[in-house]
Amino acid sequence: MKNTNTHTVTLTKLEAAALSVIASGMDEPNCGWYHELFTTKSHTDRAVFGSLVKKGLAKTFRDLDGPEPCDWIELTPLGESVCPEGVWEGRL
């Protein structure tokens, strides 16, 4: 649980882990292609990511310009503010 300026956000262990994955990023922090960050493509990964979106911690955009549709994901400012500490030092 982390207190932000406006409200308290409670994360499950899976949500905290997913938030950490997104925060680590692909080519830059806090964003990347869904299929590159969540390589297992499991129903659990999708559900946990959906929970982060519902809580306003992450957002996604569908890119239809490539050979196959791809989803770009990124943390919102709120998501960046509650990111688990230690992610940049590789402790998670």
Protein backbone atom coordinates (compact mmCIF):
# COMPACT_ATOMS: atom_id res chain seq x y z
CA MET A 1 0.00 0.00 0.00
CA LYS A 2 1.32 3.44 -0.86
CA ASN A 3 -0.15 6.79 0.05
CA THR A 4 -0.25 9.34 -2.78
CA ASN A 5 -1.27 12.97 -2.57
CA THR A 6 -4.88 12.17 -3.41
CA HIS A 7 -5.59 8.62 -2.24
CA THR A 8 -4.18 5.31 -1.08
CA VAL A 9 -3.36 2.64 -3.64
CA THR A 10 -3.25 -0.99 -2.54
CA LEU A 11 -1.39 -3.47 -4.73
CA THR A 12 -1.35 -7.24 -4.68
CA LYS A 13 2.02 -8.97 -5.05
CA LEU A 14 1.22 -9.73 -8.69
CA GLU A 15 0.24 -6.12 -9.37
CA ALA A 16 3.43 -4.84 -7.73
CA ALA A 17 5.49 -7.26 -9.83
CA ALA A 18 3.71 -6.19 -13.05
CA LEU A 19 4.12 -2.52 -12.15
CA SER A 20 7.82 -3.18 -11.66
CA VAL A 21 8.09 -4.86 -15.07
CA ILE A 22 6.48 -1.86 -16.77
CA ALA A 23 8.61 0.60 -14.76
CA SER A 24 11.77 -1.20 -15.89
CA GLY A 25 10.54 -0.68 -19.42
CA MET A 26 11.73 -1.99 -22.74
CA ASP A 27 13.93 0.68 -24.36
CA GLU A 28 13.14 3.37 -21.80
CA PRO A 29 11.58 3.41 -18.33
CA ASN A 30 7.83 3.19 -17.73
CA CYS A 31 6.74 1.93 -21.16
CA GLY A 32 7.07 -0.72 -23.83
CA TRP A 33 5.24 -3.18 -26.06
CA TYR A 34 3.01 -5.51 -24.08
CA HIS A 35 4.35 -8.60 -25.90
CA GLU A 36 7.94 -7.60 -25.04
CA LEU A 37 7.33 -6.86 -21.35
CA PHE A 38 4.95 -9.74 -20.58
CA THR A 39 6.38 -12.60 -22.59
CA THR A 40 4.28 -15.39 -21.03
CA LYS A 41 1.03 -13.94 -22.41
CA SER A 42 -0.91 -15.78 -19.72
CA HIS A 43 -4.46 -15.02 -18.64
CA THR A 44 -3.04 -14.03 -15.26
CA ASP A 45 -0.72 -11.44 -16.84
CA ARG A 46 -3.63 -9.98 -18.79
CA ALA A 47 -5.87 -9.86 -15.72
CA VAL A 48 -3.19 -8.24 -13.56
CA PHE A 49 -2.43 -5.65 -16.25
CA GLY A 50 -6.18 -4.97 -16.58
CA SER A 51 -6.32 -4.39 -12.85
CA LEU A 52 -3.51 -1.82 -13.12
CA VAL A 53 -5.46 -0.04 -15.87
CA LYS A 54 -8.66 -0.04 -13.77
CA LYS A 55 -6.74 1.44 -10.83
CA GLY A 56 -5.42 4.21 -13.12
CA LEU A 57 -1.80 3.08 -12.81
CA ALA A 58 -1.21 2.10 -16.45
CA LYS A 59 -2.68 2.76 -19.86
CA THR A 60 -2.51 1.08 -23.23
CA PHE A 61 -2.73 2.12 -26.87
CA ARG A 62 -3.33 -0.25 -29.79
CA ASP A 63 -1.00 0.25 -32.76
CA LEU A 64 -2.65 -0.95 -35.96
CA ASP A 65 0.06 0.23 -38.38
CA GLY A 66 2.31 -2.84 -38.24
CA PRO A 67 1.83 -6.28 -39.76
CA GLU A 68 -0.08 -7.29 -36.60
CA PRO A 69 -1.84 -5.13 -34.01
CA CYS A 70 0.39 -4.45 -31.01
CA ASP A 71 -0.37 -2.90 -27.64
CA TRP A 72 1.88 -0.15 -26.28
CA ILE A 73 1.69 0.15 -22.50
CA GLU A 74 2.92 2.83 -20.16
CA LEU A 75 2.58 3.91 -16.58
CA THR A 76 0.42 6.89 -15.75
CA PRO A 77 1.83 9.58 -13.43
CA LEU A 78 -0.02 7.84 -10.59
CA GLY A 79 1.56 4.52 -11.59
CA GLU A 80 5.01 6.10 -11.57
CA SER A 81 4.37 7.54 -8.11
CA VAL A 82 3.44 4.17 -6.58
CA CYS A 83 6.06 2.10 -8.37
CA PRO A 84 7.69 -0.30 -5.91
CA GLU A 85 10.90 1.09 -4.52
CA GLY A 86 14.04 -0.66 -5.66
CA VAL A 87 12.94 -1.30 -9.23
CA TRP A 88 15.73 0.80 -10.72
CA GLU A 89 18.37 -0.96 -8.65
CA GLY A 90 17.13 -4.32 -9.88
CA ARG A 91 16.12 -5.54 -6.44
CA LEU A 92 12.68 -6.78 -7.51
